[in-house]
Each structure stands twice: as structure tokens, then as C-alpha cells.
């Protein structure tokens, strides 16, 4: 009698997931360091400890990998859950959490290096700049705008132009500290410097958009 032995299905392919993660980690390091044109798929494969064929099996081309690397970096430091509204938490507290995550993201060495490459007029085609915008800043803006809409609906904030308010919030957060970093003339920030900057930014934002200035302490 013939007995058919069925293959058991495992819970996914962990080795493939590990390789994909290694490729993304390599891309996140190399693109800011060497630029888009200066980073080859061979170099990424070597850095990740995989074959170039494996890189292409996960990411069809270098542009796709670039987009995925930017998005992954952004999602690590500013996950979607950061923008979920907690009805039981003060809006000030939630704004400060978002602000801290954003400031940490834009002042990370990799982010500063990539920003310099994007604004240097060097090897970054317009298409790649657009891809960067969609994978990073646009995603953050969209998440924060949805957060603002929910806070407005809950009666916590009064915002007439949500896209403009969102842009203002992140521009305020970058401020002089970020500009000095990009110019290479900034001394390392202390935790106190960062804390004061974030609290002042959130305070300014709330004074513009809180439902009532008298409720700022309660918020």
C-alpha cells in the first residue's frame, strides 16, 4: 500500500525574512553614506552578507530598494501607532511624543547625511527626491494630519487648515538646531536642550490651535 506523506507547512520563511531585514539594514547604512549612484547592489549584497541575486529577489531594482530603505527607517522611528489618538491621554503629551520621535529621526546621522545629499545638487535625480519625499516626509505628514483631524473631532484642537498646521509643527520642530546640524556648525545637543526645544514647540503649537488658551494647563 502506498502511503502519501504530506509536507508540513512551516510558519513562513524566517531565513528569507532575515535576509530581507539584512538587505534593508545595509541599504539604510550605505545610501546616506555613499549616495544613490555611489551605492551599488553588489555593495549592498556584500554588506548584507547575501548574494546579489538574493537582493534582486527581494527588491526588483535599486530604486525600489531605496524607497523601501527610506520607508523602513521612517517606520522604525515613527511607527503608525505613534499617531493613534489616546482619548485618555492629554493632547500635549501625545504631541510631545510625536515631536520627540520626529526630532530624533531628522537629527540622526544617517538622516542628516541623506538630507545633505538630497540638497547638494549632486547625484540625486528628481525622481529619487520624489521617492524620498513619499517614503519619508509625506508619510509622516499624512499620519500627523490624521491625528489632528481626530483631535479636532474630539474637541481638543481647533484647526482650520490641517495640512498647513501639520507643516508648521514639523518646521518649528526642525528649527535652528536642525539647521545648524545641516551646516555642520552645531555643538552636540544635551538632553536638556532637546527637551526645552520640544516643550517650547508644543507650547507654541497649542497656543495657536488649542480650543481655548485657558485650557492649556489641562491639555
N, C-alpha and C. Protein backbone atom coordinates (compact mmCIF):
# COMPACT_ATOMS: atom_id res chain seq x y z
N UNK A 1 0.84 -1.19 0.00
CA UNK A 1 0.00 0.00 0.00
C UNK A 1 0.88 1.25 0.00
N UNK A 2 0.57 2.17 -0.91
CA UNK A 2 1.33 3.40 -0.98
C UNK A 2 0.83 4.40 0.05
N UNK A 3 1.73 4.98 0.73
CA UNK A 3 1.36 5.98 1.72
C UNK A 3 1.89 7.34 1.28
N UNK A 4 0.99 8.29 1.12
CA UNK A 4 1.40 9.64 0.73
C UNK A 4 1.72 10.43 1.98
N UNK A 5 2.89 10.99 1.99
CA UNK A 5 3.32 11.78 3.15
C UNK A 5 3.25 13.26 2.78
N UNK A 6 2.35 13.96 3.42
CA UNK A 6 2.18 15.39 3.13
C UNK A 6 3.28 16.20 3.78
N UNK A 7 3.71 17.20 3.07
CA UNK A 7 4.71 18.10 3.64
C UNK A 7 4.03 19.05 4.62
N UNK A 8 4.65 19.23 5.74
CA UNK A 8 4.09 20.16 6.72
C UNK A 8 4.48 21.58 6.34
N UNK A 9 3.55 22.44 6.51
CA UNK A 9 3.81 23.84 6.18
C UNK A 9 4.31 24.58 7.41
N UNK A 10 5.45 25.17 7.31
CA UNK A 10 6.02 25.92 8.43
C UNK A 10 5.39 27.29 8.55
N UNK A 11 5.70 27.99 9.60
CA UNK A 11 5.12 29.32 9.84
C UNK A 11 5.85 30.41 9.05
N UNK A 12 5.91 30.24 7.73
CA UNK A 12 6.60 31.26 6.94
C UNK A 12 8.03 30.85 6.65
N UNK A 13 8.83 31.80 6.16
CA UNK A 13 10.21 31.52 5.81
C UNK A 13 11.12 32.50 6.55
N UNK A 14 11.47 32.15 7.80
CA UNK A 14 12.23 33.08 8.63
C UNK A 14 13.58 33.48 8.03
N UNK A 15 14.24 32.54 7.32
CA UNK A 15 15.54 32.87 6.75
C UNK A 15 15.40 33.97 5.69
N UNK A 16 14.34 33.87 4.88
CA UNK A 16 14.10 34.90 3.88
C UNK A 16 13.82 36.25 4.54
N UNK A 17 13.05 36.22 5.64
CA UNK A 17 12.76 37.45 6.35
C UNK A 17 14.03 38.05 6.95
N UNK A 18 14.91 37.20 7.43
CA UNK A 18 16.18 37.66 7.99
C UNK A 18 17.05 38.28 6.91
N UNK A 19 17.05 37.66 5.74
CA UNK A 19 17.85 38.20 4.63
C UNK A 19 17.29 39.54 4.17
N UNK A 20 15.97 39.63 4.10
CA UNK A 20 15.36 40.89 3.69
C UNK A 20 15.71 42.00 4.69
N UNK A 21 15.65 41.68 5.97
CA UNK A 21 15.99 42.66 7.00
C UNK A 21 17.46 43.07 6.89
N UNK A 22 18.34 42.10 6.61
CA UNK A 22 19.76 42.40 6.47
C UNK A 22 20.01 43.31 5.26
N UNK A 23 19.29 43.07 4.18
CA UNK A 23 19.42 43.90 2.98
C UNK A 23 18.97 45.32 3.28
N UNK A 24 17.84 45.45 3.95
CA UNK A 24 17.33 46.79 4.29
C UNK A 24 18.30 47.52 5.22
N UNK A 25 18.84 46.81 6.20
CA UNK A 25 19.79 47.43 7.12
C UNK A 25 21.02 47.93 6.36
N UNK A 26 21.51 47.12 5.43
CA UNK A 26 22.66 47.52 4.62
C UNK A 26 22.34 48.75 3.78
N UNK A 27 21.16 48.74 3.18
CA UNK A 27 20.75 49.87 2.34
C UNK A 27 20.61 51.14 3.17
N UNK A 28 20.07 51.02 4.39
CA UNK A 28 19.90 52.18 5.25
C UNK A 28 21.24 52.79 5.65
N UNK A 29 22.27 51.96 5.70
CA UNK A 29 23.60 52.48 6.03
C UNK A 29 24.31 53.07 4.81
N UNK A 30 24.22 52.36 3.68
CA UNK A 30 25.04 52.72 2.52
C UNK A 30 24.49 53.89 1.70
N UNK A 31 23.18 53.99 1.53
CA UNK A 31 22.64 55.08 0.72
C UNK A 31 23.01 56.46 1.30
N UNK A 32 22.82 56.69 2.63
CA UNK A 32 23.21 58.00 3.17
C UNK A 32 24.72 58.23 3.10
N UNK A 33 25.47 57.15 3.20
CA UNK A 33 26.93 57.25 3.23
C UNK A 33 27.53 57.54 1.86
N UNK A 34 27.02 56.85 0.84
CA UNK A 34 27.64 56.94 -0.49
C UNK A 34 26.75 57.55 -1.56
N UNK A 35 25.50 57.86 -1.22
CA UNK A 35 24.59 58.38 -2.22
C UNK A 35 23.98 57.27 -3.05
N UNK A 36 23.01 57.64 -3.87
CA UNK A 36 22.32 56.63 -4.67
C UNK A 36 23.23 56.04 -5.74
N UNK A 37 23.87 56.91 -6.53
CA UNK A 37 24.73 56.41 -7.61
C UNK A 37 25.97 55.72 -7.05
N UNK A 38 26.43 56.18 -5.91
CA UNK A 38 27.65 55.61 -5.33
C UNK A 38 27.43 54.30 -4.59
N UNK A 39 26.18 53.89 -4.46
CA UNK A 39 25.86 52.64 -3.77
C UNK A 39 25.41 51.61 -4.79
N UNK A 40 26.18 50.56 -4.93
CA UNK A 40 25.83 49.51 -5.89
C UNK A 40 25.08 48.39 -5.21
N UNK A 41 24.36 47.63 -6.00
CA UNK A 41 23.66 46.46 -5.45
C UNK A 41 24.68 45.42 -4.99
N UNK A 42 25.86 45.38 -5.62
CA UNK A 42 26.93 44.48 -5.18
C UNK A 42 27.38 44.86 -3.78
N UNK A 43 27.53 46.17 -3.54
CA UNK A 43 27.98 46.63 -2.23
C UNK A 43 26.93 46.31 -1.17
N UNK A 44 25.67 46.50 -1.51
CA UNK A 44 24.60 46.19 -0.56
C UNK A 44 24.57 44.71 -0.24
N UNK A 45 24.73 43.88 -1.28
CA UNK A 45 24.74 42.43 -1.08
C UNK A 45 25.89 42.02 -0.17
N UNK A 46 27.08 42.60 -0.41
CA UNK A 46 28.25 42.27 0.41
C UNK A 46 28.04 42.70 1.85
N UNK A 47 27.50 43.91 2.04
CA UNK A 47 27.25 44.43 3.38
C UNK A 47 26.22 43.58 4.12
N UNK A 48 25.24 43.08 3.38
CA UNK A 48 24.18 42.27 3.99
C UNK A 48 24.57 40.81 4.16
N UNK A 49 25.67 40.39 3.50
CA UNK A 49 26.11 39.00 3.60
C UNK A 49 25.25 38.06 2.78
N UNK A 50 24.72 38.56 1.67
CA UNK A 50 23.90 37.73 0.79
C UNK A 50 24.39 37.90 -0.64
N UNK A 51 23.84 37.12 -1.56
CA UNK A 51 24.21 37.25 -2.97
C UNK A 51 23.43 38.40 -3.61
N UNK A 52 23.96 38.91 -4.72
CA UNK A 52 23.23 39.96 -5.43
C UNK A 52 21.90 39.43 -5.95
N UNK A 53 21.87 38.15 -6.33
CA UNK A 53 20.62 37.54 -6.79
C UNK A 53 19.57 37.59 -5.69
N UNK A 54 19.99 37.38 -4.45
CA UNK A 54 19.05 37.45 -3.32
C UNK A 54 18.51 38.86 -3.15
N UNK A 55 19.38 39.85 -3.33
CA UNK A 55 18.93 41.24 -3.23
C UNK A 55 17.84 41.51 -4.26
N UNK A 56 18.09 41.08 -5.51
CA UNK A 56 17.11 41.31 -6.57
C UNK A 56 15.84 40.49 -6.39
N UNK A 57 15.95 39.36 -5.69
CA UNK A 57 14.75 38.55 -5.47
C UNK A 57 13.80 39.22 -4.48
N UNK A 58 14.35 40.06 -3.61
CA UNK A 58 13.52 40.79 -2.64
C UNK A 58 13.13 42.17 -3.14
N UNK A 59 14.02 42.80 -3.90
CA UNK A 59 13.78 44.17 -4.40
C UNK A 59 14.16 44.20 -5.88
N UNK A 60 13.20 44.47 -6.71
CA UNK A 60 13.39 44.31 -8.15
C UNK A 60 14.48 45.19 -8.74
N UNK A 61 14.72 46.36 -8.16
CA UNK A 61 15.77 47.24 -8.66
C UNK A 61 16.23 48.16 -7.53
N UNK A 62 17.26 48.96 -7.83
CA UNK A 62 17.84 49.80 -6.79
C UNK A 62 16.87 50.89 -6.33
N UNK A 63 16.06 51.40 -7.24
CA UNK A 63 15.09 52.43 -6.85
C UNK A 63 14.08 51.88 -5.85
N UNK A 64 13.61 50.65 -6.10
CA UNK A 64 12.67 50.01 -5.17
C UNK A 64 13.30 49.84 -3.80
N UNK A 65 14.56 49.44 -3.77
CA UNK A 65 15.27 49.24 -2.51
C UNK A 65 15.48 50.58 -1.80
N UNK A 66 15.79 51.61 -2.54
CA UNK A 66 15.97 52.94 -1.96
C UNK A 66 14.69 53.39 -1.27
N UNK A 67 13.57 53.25 -1.97
CA UNK A 67 12.28 53.63 -1.41
C UNK A 67 11.99 52.83 -0.13
N UNK A 68 12.24 51.51 -0.20
CA UNK A 68 11.96 50.64 0.95
C UNK A 68 12.85 50.98 2.14
N UNK A 69 14.10 51.34 1.87
CA UNK A 69 15.03 51.68 2.95
C UNK A 69 14.61 52.96 3.66
N UNK A 70 14.20 53.97 2.89
CA UNK A 70 13.75 55.23 3.49
C UNK A 70 12.49 54.98 4.31
N UNK A 71 11.56 54.23 3.75
CA UNK A 71 10.31 53.95 4.44
C UNK A 71 10.55 53.16 5.73
N UNK A 72 11.46 52.18 5.66
CA UNK A 72 11.75 51.36 6.84
C UNK A 72 12.37 52.21 7.96
N UNK A 73 13.29 53.10 7.60
CA UNK A 73 13.91 53.98 8.58
C UNK A 73 12.86 54.86 9.26
N UNK A 74 11.96 55.39 8.45
CA UNK A 74 10.91 56.26 8.97
C UNK A 74 9.96 55.48 9.88
N UNK A 75 9.58 54.28 9.47
CA UNK A 75 8.64 53.47 10.25
C UNK A 75 9.25 53.01 11.57
N UNK A 76 10.56 52.79 11.59
CA UNK A 76 11.23 52.38 12.83
C UNK A 76 11.11 53.46 13.90
N UNK A 77 11.36 54.69 13.50
CA UNK A 77 11.39 55.77 14.49
C UNK A 77 10.05 56.48 14.66
N UNK A 78 9.20 56.37 13.64
CA UNK A 78 7.88 56.98 13.75
C UNK A 78 6.83 55.99 13.27
N UNK A 79 6.59 54.92 14.05
CA UNK A 79 5.60 53.91 13.65
C UNK A 79 4.19 54.49 13.60
N UNK A 80 3.32 53.84 12.84
CA UNK A 80 1.95 54.32 12.66
C UNK A 80 1.22 54.50 13.99
N UNK A 81 1.52 53.63 14.95
CA UNK A 81 0.82 53.69 16.23
C UNK A 81 1.11 55.00 16.99
N UNK A 82 2.19 55.67 16.62
CA UNK A 82 2.53 56.94 17.27
C UNK A 82 1.44 57.98 17.03
N UNK A 83 0.71 57.84 15.92
CA UNK A 83 -0.31 58.81 15.56
C UNK A 83 -1.71 58.38 15.99
N UNK A 84 -1.83 57.25 16.67
CA UNK A 84 -3.13 56.84 17.17
C UNK A 84 -3.53 57.74 18.33
N UNK A 85 -4.74 58.22 18.31
CA UNK A 85 -5.20 59.10 19.38
C UNK A 85 -5.62 58.29 20.59
N UNK A 86 -5.08 58.67 21.73
CA UNK A 86 -5.47 58.06 23.00
C UNK A 86 -6.39 59.04 23.70
N UNK A 87 -7.67 58.74 23.72
CA UNK A 87 -8.66 59.67 24.28
C UNK A 87 -8.41 59.94 25.76
N UNK A 88 -7.72 59.02 26.43
CA UNK A 88 -7.48 59.19 27.87
C UNK A 88 -6.22 59.99 28.16
N UNK A 89 -5.41 60.24 27.14
CA UNK A 89 -4.14 60.94 27.36
C UNK A 89 -4.27 62.41 26.96
N UNK A 90 -3.58 63.31 27.68
CA UNK A 90 -3.60 64.73 27.32
C UNK A 90 -3.01 64.94 25.92
N UNK A 91 -3.59 65.84 25.14
CA UNK A 91 -3.10 66.09 23.79
C UNK A 91 -1.66 66.59 23.82
N UNK A 92 -1.31 67.36 24.85
CA UNK A 92 0.07 67.84 24.98
C UNK A 92 1.05 66.67 25.05
N UNK A 93 0.71 65.67 25.83
CA UNK A 93 1.57 64.50 25.99
C UNK A 93 1.77 63.77 24.65
N UNK A 94 0.70 63.66 23.89
CA UNK A 94 0.80 62.97 22.61
C UNK A 94 1.61 63.79 21.60
N UNK A 95 1.42 65.10 21.62
CA UNK A 95 2.20 65.96 20.73
C UNK A 95 3.69 65.89 21.06
N UNK A 96 4.02 65.85 22.34
CA UNK A 96 5.42 65.76 22.73
C UNK A 96 6.03 64.43 22.32
N UNK A 97 5.27 63.35 22.38
CA UNK A 97 5.78 62.05 21.95
C UNK A 97 6.08 62.05 20.45
N UNK A 98 5.17 62.62 19.67
CA UNK A 98 5.39 62.73 18.23
C UNK A 98 6.59 63.62 17.94
N UNK A 99 6.68 64.72 18.66
CA UNK A 99 7.77 65.67 18.45
C UNK A 99 9.12 65.04 18.75
N UNK A 100 9.22 64.29 19.84
CA UNK A 100 10.49 63.65 20.20
C UNK A 100 10.92 62.63 19.16
N UNK A 101 9.96 61.85 18.68
CA UNK A 101 10.28 60.85 17.67
C UNK A 101 10.74 61.51 16.38
N UNK A 102 10.06 62.57 15.98
CA UNK A 102 10.43 63.27 14.74
C UNK A 102 11.80 63.91 14.87
N UNK A 103 12.06 64.58 16.00
CA UNK A 103 13.34 65.24 16.17
C UNK A 103 14.48 64.23 16.17
N UNK A 104 14.26 63.08 16.81
CA UNK A 104 15.28 62.03 16.81
C UNK A 104 15.53 61.52 15.40
N UNK A 105 14.46 61.41 14.61
CA UNK A 105 14.59 60.93 13.23
C UNK A 105 15.41 61.90 12.38
N UNK A 106 15.05 63.18 12.39
CA UNK A 106 15.70 64.12 11.47
C UNK A 106 17.11 64.52 11.91
N UNK A 107 17.45 64.28 13.18
CA UNK A 107 18.80 64.62 13.64
C UNK A 107 19.72 63.41 13.72
N UNK A 108 19.22 62.23 13.33
CA UNK A 108 20.08 61.04 13.29
C UNK A 108 21.16 61.25 12.23
N UNK A 109 22.38 60.78 12.46
CA UNK A 109 23.47 60.99 11.49
C UNK A 109 23.11 60.56 10.07
N UNK A 110 22.40 59.43 9.93
CA UNK A 110 22.02 58.95 8.60
C UNK A 110 21.06 59.92 7.92
N UNK A 111 20.14 60.48 8.69
CA UNK A 111 19.17 61.42 8.12
C UNK A 111 19.85 62.71 7.69
N UNK A 112 20.78 63.19 8.50
CA UNK A 112 21.50 64.42 8.15
C UNK A 112 22.32 64.20 6.88
N UNK A 113 23.01 63.05 6.80
CA UNK A 113 23.82 62.75 5.62
C UNK A 113 22.96 62.66 4.37
N UNK A 114 21.81 62.01 4.48
CA UNK A 114 20.92 61.86 3.33
C UNK A 114 20.34 63.21 2.92
N UNK A 115 19.98 64.04 3.89
CA UNK A 115 19.45 65.37 3.58
C UNK A 115 20.49 66.20 2.82
N UNK A 116 21.74 66.10 3.22
CA UNK A 116 22.80 66.84 2.53
C UNK A 116 22.94 66.37 1.09
N UNK A 117 22.83 65.06 0.89
CA UNK A 117 22.91 64.52 -0.47
C UNK A 117 21.75 65.02 -1.32
N UNK A 118 20.57 65.06 -0.73
CA UNK A 118 19.38 65.46 -1.47
C UNK A 118 19.42 66.93 -1.87
N UNK A 119 20.05 67.75 -1.05
CA UNK A 119 20.06 69.20 -1.30
C UNK A 119 21.37 69.69 -1.90
N UNK A 120 22.28 68.78 -2.20
CA UNK A 120 23.59 69.20 -2.71
C UNK A 120 23.60 69.44 -4.21
N UNK A 121 22.51 69.01 -4.90
CA UNK A 121 22.50 69.14 -6.35
C UNK A 121 23.41 68.12 -7.02
N UNK A 122 23.70 67.04 -6.30
CA UNK A 122 24.62 66.03 -6.81
C UNK A 122 23.95 64.95 -7.63
N UNK A 123 24.05 63.71 -7.12
CA UNK A 123 23.66 62.56 -7.93
C UNK A 123 22.23 62.09 -7.68
N UNK A 124 21.37 62.96 -7.16
CA UNK A 124 20.02 62.54 -6.85
C UNK A 124 19.04 63.06 -7.89
N UNK A 125 18.61 62.22 -8.82
CA UNK A 125 17.63 62.64 -9.82
C UNK A 125 16.32 63.06 -9.15
N UNK A 126 15.56 63.88 -9.88
CA UNK A 126 14.30 64.38 -9.34
C UNK A 126 13.36 63.25 -8.94
N UNK A 127 13.37 62.17 -9.71
CA UNK A 127 12.51 61.03 -9.40
C UNK A 127 12.83 60.45 -8.03
N UNK A 128 14.12 60.36 -7.70
CA UNK A 128 14.51 59.80 -6.41
C UNK A 128 14.18 60.74 -5.26
N UNK A 129 14.31 62.03 -5.52
CA UNK A 129 13.93 63.01 -4.49
C UNK A 129 12.45 62.88 -4.19
N UNK A 130 11.64 62.69 -5.22
CA UNK A 130 10.21 62.50 -5.04
C UNK A 130 9.92 61.22 -4.28
N UNK A 131 10.68 60.15 -4.58
CA UNK A 131 10.51 58.88 -3.87
C UNK A 131 10.84 59.04 -2.40
N UNK A 132 11.91 59.80 -2.12
CA UNK A 132 12.27 60.06 -0.73
C UNK A 132 11.14 60.80 -0.01
N UNK A 133 10.59 61.80 -0.69
CA UNK A 133 9.52 62.59 -0.08
C UNK A 133 8.31 61.71 0.24
N UNK A 134 7.94 60.84 -0.67
CA UNK A 134 6.78 59.99 -0.47
C UNK A 134 7.01 58.94 0.62
N UNK A 135 8.22 58.40 0.68
CA UNK A 135 8.51 57.34 1.65
C UNK A 135 8.72 57.88 3.05
N UNK A 136 9.20 59.14 3.15
CA UNK A 136 9.51 59.70 4.46
C UNK A 136 8.60 60.83 4.88
N UNK A 137 8.94 62.08 4.49
CA UNK A 137 8.16 63.24 4.95
C UNK A 137 6.68 63.17 4.67
N UNK A 138 6.28 62.72 3.48
CA UNK A 138 4.86 62.68 3.18
C UNK A 138 4.12 61.70 4.07
N UNK A 139 4.75 60.57 4.37
CA UNK A 139 4.12 59.58 5.26
C UNK A 139 3.92 60.16 6.66
N UNK A 140 4.93 60.86 7.15
CA UNK A 140 4.84 61.47 8.48
C UNK A 140 3.75 62.55 8.49
N UNK A 141 3.73 63.38 7.45
CA UNK A 141 2.72 64.43 7.37
C UNK A 141 1.31 63.82 7.34
N UNK A 142 1.13 62.77 6.57
CA UNK A 142 -0.20 62.15 6.47
C UNK A 142 -0.65 61.59 7.82
N UNK A 143 0.27 60.93 8.52
CA UNK A 143 -0.06 60.38 9.84
C UNK A 143 -0.43 61.47 10.83
N UNK A 144 0.34 62.56 10.81
CA UNK A 144 0.07 63.64 11.76
C UNK A 144 -1.22 64.38 11.42
N UNK A 145 -1.49 64.53 10.14
CA UNK A 145 -2.73 65.20 9.74
C UNK A 145 -3.96 64.40 10.19
N UNK A 146 -3.88 63.09 10.11
CA UNK A 146 -4.99 62.26 10.59
C UNK A 146 -5.13 62.40 12.11
N UNK A 147 -4.00 62.46 12.80
CA UNK A 147 -4.02 62.69 14.25
C UNK A 147 -4.73 64.00 14.57
N UNK A 148 -4.40 65.05 13.83
CA UNK A 148 -5.02 66.35 14.07
C UNK A 148 -6.52 66.30 13.79
N UNK A 149 -6.92 65.63 12.72
CA UNK A 149 -8.35 65.53 12.41
C UNK A 149 -9.12 64.88 13.55
N UNK A 150 -8.54 63.85 14.13
CA UNK A 150 -9.22 63.15 15.22
C UNK A 150 -9.28 64.02 16.48
N UNK A 151 -8.22 64.78 16.73
CA UNK A 151 -8.22 65.66 17.90
C UNK A 151 -9.21 66.81 17.72
N UNK A 152 -9.34 67.28 16.49
CA UNK A 152 -10.34 68.31 16.21
C UNK A 152 -11.74 67.75 16.42
N UNK A 153 -11.97 66.53 15.92
CA UNK A 153 -13.29 65.89 16.07
C UNK A 153 -13.61 65.65 17.54
N UNK A 154 -12.57 65.41 18.34
CA UNK A 154 -12.78 65.16 19.77
C UNK A 154 -12.92 66.46 20.56
N UNK A 155 -12.76 67.59 19.89
CA UNK A 155 -12.91 68.87 20.58
C UNK A 155 -11.68 69.32 21.33
N UNK A 156 -10.53 68.67 21.08
CA UNK A 156 -9.31 69.05 21.78
C UNK A 156 -8.58 70.21 21.10
N UNK A 157 -8.67 70.25 19.76
CA UNK A 157 -7.97 71.28 19.00
C UNK A 157 -8.95 71.97 18.05
N UNK A 158 -8.62 73.20 17.67
CA UNK A 158 -9.40 73.94 16.67
C UNK A 158 -8.45 74.31 15.55
N UNK A 159 -8.46 73.53 14.49
CA UNK A 159 -7.53 73.72 13.37
C UNK A 159 -8.33 73.88 12.10
N UNK A 160 -8.22 75.05 11.47
CA UNK A 160 -8.96 75.29 10.24
C UNK A 160 -8.30 74.68 9.02
N UNK A 161 -6.97 74.81 8.94
CA UNK A 161 -6.21 74.29 7.80
C UNK A 161 -5.24 73.23 8.32
N UNK A 162 -5.66 71.99 8.29
CA UNK A 162 -4.87 70.91 8.89
C UNK A 162 -3.53 70.68 8.17
N UNK A 163 -3.48 70.63 6.84
CA UNK A 163 -2.18 70.47 6.18
C UNK A 163 -1.19 71.58 6.55
N UNK A 164 -1.68 72.82 6.61
CA UNK A 164 -0.80 73.93 6.97
C UNK A 164 -0.31 73.79 8.42
N UNK A 165 -1.20 73.44 9.32
CA UNK A 165 -0.82 73.28 10.73
C UNK A 165 0.21 72.17 10.89
N UNK A 166 0.03 71.09 10.14
CA UNK A 166 0.98 69.98 10.19
C UNK A 166 2.36 70.42 9.72
N UNK A 167 2.39 71.14 8.61
CA UNK A 167 3.65 71.65 8.08
C UNK A 167 4.32 72.60 9.08
N UNK A 168 3.54 73.44 9.71
CA UNK A 168 4.08 74.37 10.70
C UNK A 168 4.70 73.63 11.87
N UNK A 169 4.04 72.59 12.34
CA UNK A 169 4.52 71.83 13.50
C UNK A 169 5.91 71.26 13.23
N UNK A 170 6.08 70.62 12.09
CA UNK A 170 7.36 69.99 11.80
C UNK A 170 8.44 71.00 11.45
N UNK A 171 8.05 72.13 10.84
CA UNK A 171 9.02 73.18 10.56
C UNK A 171 9.53 73.78 11.87
N UNK A 172 8.63 74.00 12.82
CA UNK A 172 9.03 74.51 14.13
C UNK A 172 9.96 73.54 14.84
N UNK A 173 9.67 72.26 14.71
CA UNK A 173 10.49 71.26 15.39
C UNK A 173 11.92 71.22 14.86
N UNK A 174 12.07 71.38 13.56
CA UNK A 174 13.43 71.40 13.00
C UNK A 174 14.17 72.62 13.54
N UNK A 175 13.60 73.77 13.32
CA UNK A 175 14.14 74.99 13.89
C UNK A 175 15.62 75.22 13.66
N UNK A 176 16.21 76.05 14.49
CA UNK A 176 17.62 76.40 14.34
C UNK A 176 18.54 75.23 14.65
N UNK A 177 18.14 74.36 15.58
CA UNK A 177 19.00 73.24 15.93
C UNK A 177 19.29 72.36 14.73
N UNK A 178 18.25 72.03 13.97
CA UNK A 178 18.42 71.18 12.80
C UNK A 178 19.21 71.91 11.71
N UNK A 179 18.93 73.19 11.52
CA UNK A 179 19.64 73.97 10.51
C UNK A 179 21.13 74.02 10.81
N UNK A 180 21.49 74.19 12.07
CA UNK A 180 22.91 74.23 12.44
C UNK A 180 23.57 72.87 12.23
N UNK A 181 22.84 71.81 12.46
CA UNK A 181 23.39 70.48 12.20
C UNK A 181 23.71 70.30 10.72
N UNK A 182 22.79 70.73 9.86
CA UNK A 182 22.99 70.58 8.42
C UNK A 182 24.19 71.39 7.93
N UNK A 183 24.43 72.53 8.59
CA UNK A 183 25.57 73.37 8.22
C UNK A 183 26.88 72.87 8.83
N UNK A 184 26.77 71.92 9.74
CA UNK A 184 27.97 71.39 10.37
C UNK A 184 28.58 72.30 11.40
N UNK A 185 27.78 73.23 11.93
CA UNK A 185 28.32 74.19 12.91
C UNK A 185 27.62 74.06 14.25
N UNK A 186 27.10 72.88 14.53
CA UNK A 186 26.35 72.70 15.77
C UNK A 186 27.14 71.87 16.77
N UNK A 187 27.14 72.31 18.01
CA UNK A 187 27.68 71.50 19.09
C UNK A 187 26.66 70.43 19.44
N UNK A 188 27.10 69.30 19.98
CA UNK A 188 26.14 68.25 20.35
C UNK A 188 25.08 68.79 21.29
N UNK A 189 23.84 68.37 21.06
CA UNK A 189 22.74 68.80 21.91
C UNK A 189 22.76 68.02 23.21
N UNK A 190 22.40 68.68 24.29
CA UNK A 190 22.19 67.97 25.54
C UNK A 190 20.72 67.54 25.59
N UNK A 191 20.42 66.61 26.45
CA UNK A 191 19.03 66.19 26.62
C UNK A 191 18.16 67.37 27.06
N UNK A 192 18.75 68.25 27.85
CA UNK A 192 18.01 69.43 28.30
C UNK A 192 17.69 70.36 27.13
N UNK A 193 18.66 70.54 26.23
CA UNK A 193 18.44 71.37 25.04
C UNK A 193 17.25 70.84 24.23
N UNK A 194 17.26 69.53 24.02
CA UNK A 194 16.21 68.90 23.22
C UNK A 194 14.86 69.02 23.93
N UNK A 195 14.87 68.76 25.22
CA UNK A 195 13.62 68.81 25.99
C UNK A 195 13.02 70.21 25.96
N UNK A 196 13.84 71.23 26.16
CA UNK A 196 13.34 72.61 26.15
C UNK A 196 12.81 72.98 24.77
N UNK A 197 13.50 72.56 23.74
CA UNK A 197 13.08 72.86 22.37
C UNK A 197 11.73 72.21 22.06
N UNK A 198 11.58 70.96 22.43
CA UNK A 198 10.33 70.25 22.14
C UNK A 198 9.17 70.83 22.94
N UNK A 199 9.39 71.09 24.21
CA UNK A 199 8.33 71.65 25.03
C UNK A 199 7.90 73.03 24.53
N UNK A 200 8.86 73.84 24.11
CA UNK A 200 8.55 75.18 23.61
C UNK A 200 7.77 75.08 22.30
N UNK A 201 8.14 74.14 21.45
CA UNK A 201 7.44 73.97 20.18
C UNK A 201 6.00 73.53 20.39
N UNK A 202 5.80 72.57 21.25
CA UNK A 202 4.45 72.08 21.54
C UNK A 202 3.62 73.18 22.19
N UNK A 203 4.22 73.94 23.09
CA UNK A 203 3.51 75.06 23.73
C UNK A 203 3.06 76.08 22.69
N UNK A 204 3.95 76.41 21.78
CA UNK A 204 3.64 77.38 20.72
C UNK A 204 2.49 76.86 19.86
N UNK A 205 2.55 75.59 19.51
CA UNK A 205 1.52 74.97 18.66
C UNK A 205 0.16 74.97 19.37
N UNK A 206 0.16 74.65 20.64
CA UNK A 206 -1.09 74.62 21.40
C UNK A 206 -1.68 76.02 21.57
N UNK A 207 -0.84 77.01 21.73
CA UNK A 207 -1.36 78.37 21.87
C UNK A 207 -2.04 78.84 20.58
N UNK A 208 -1.61 78.25 19.47
CA UNK A 208 -2.24 78.60 18.19
C UNK A 208 -3.51 77.80 17.95
N UNK A 209 -3.53 76.54 18.41
CA UNK A 209 -4.61 75.65 17.99
C UNK A 209 -5.41 75.00 19.12
N UNK A 210 -5.09 75.29 20.37
CA UNK A 210 -5.92 74.76 21.45
C UNK A 210 -7.31 75.37 21.36
N UNK A 211 -8.33 74.62 21.74
CA UNK A 211 -9.71 75.11 21.67
C UNK A 211 -9.85 76.40 22.48
N UNK A 212 -9.21 76.43 23.64
CA UNK A 212 -9.26 77.64 24.46
C UNK A 212 -7.92 77.80 25.16
N UNK A 213 -7.26 78.95 25.04
CA UNK A 213 -5.98 79.16 25.73
C UNK A 213 -6.07 78.90 27.22
N UNK A 214 -7.25 79.12 27.79
CA UNK A 214 -7.41 78.91 29.23
C UNK A 214 -7.29 77.44 29.62
N UNK A 215 -7.42 76.55 28.61
CA UNK A 215 -7.37 75.11 28.89
C UNK A 215 -6.00 74.50 28.66
N UNK A 216 -4.99 75.36 28.39
CA UNK A 216 -3.68 74.82 28.05
C UNK A 216 -3.09 73.98 29.19
N UNK A 217 -3.28 74.39 30.41
CA UNK A 217 -2.74 73.63 31.54
C UNK A 217 -3.41 72.27 31.60
N UNK A 218 -4.73 72.24 31.40
CA UNK A 218 -5.45 70.97 31.44
C UNK A 218 -5.07 70.08 30.29
N UNK A 219 -4.74 70.67 29.12
CA UNK A 219 -4.40 69.87 27.97
C UNK A 219 -3.07 69.17 28.17
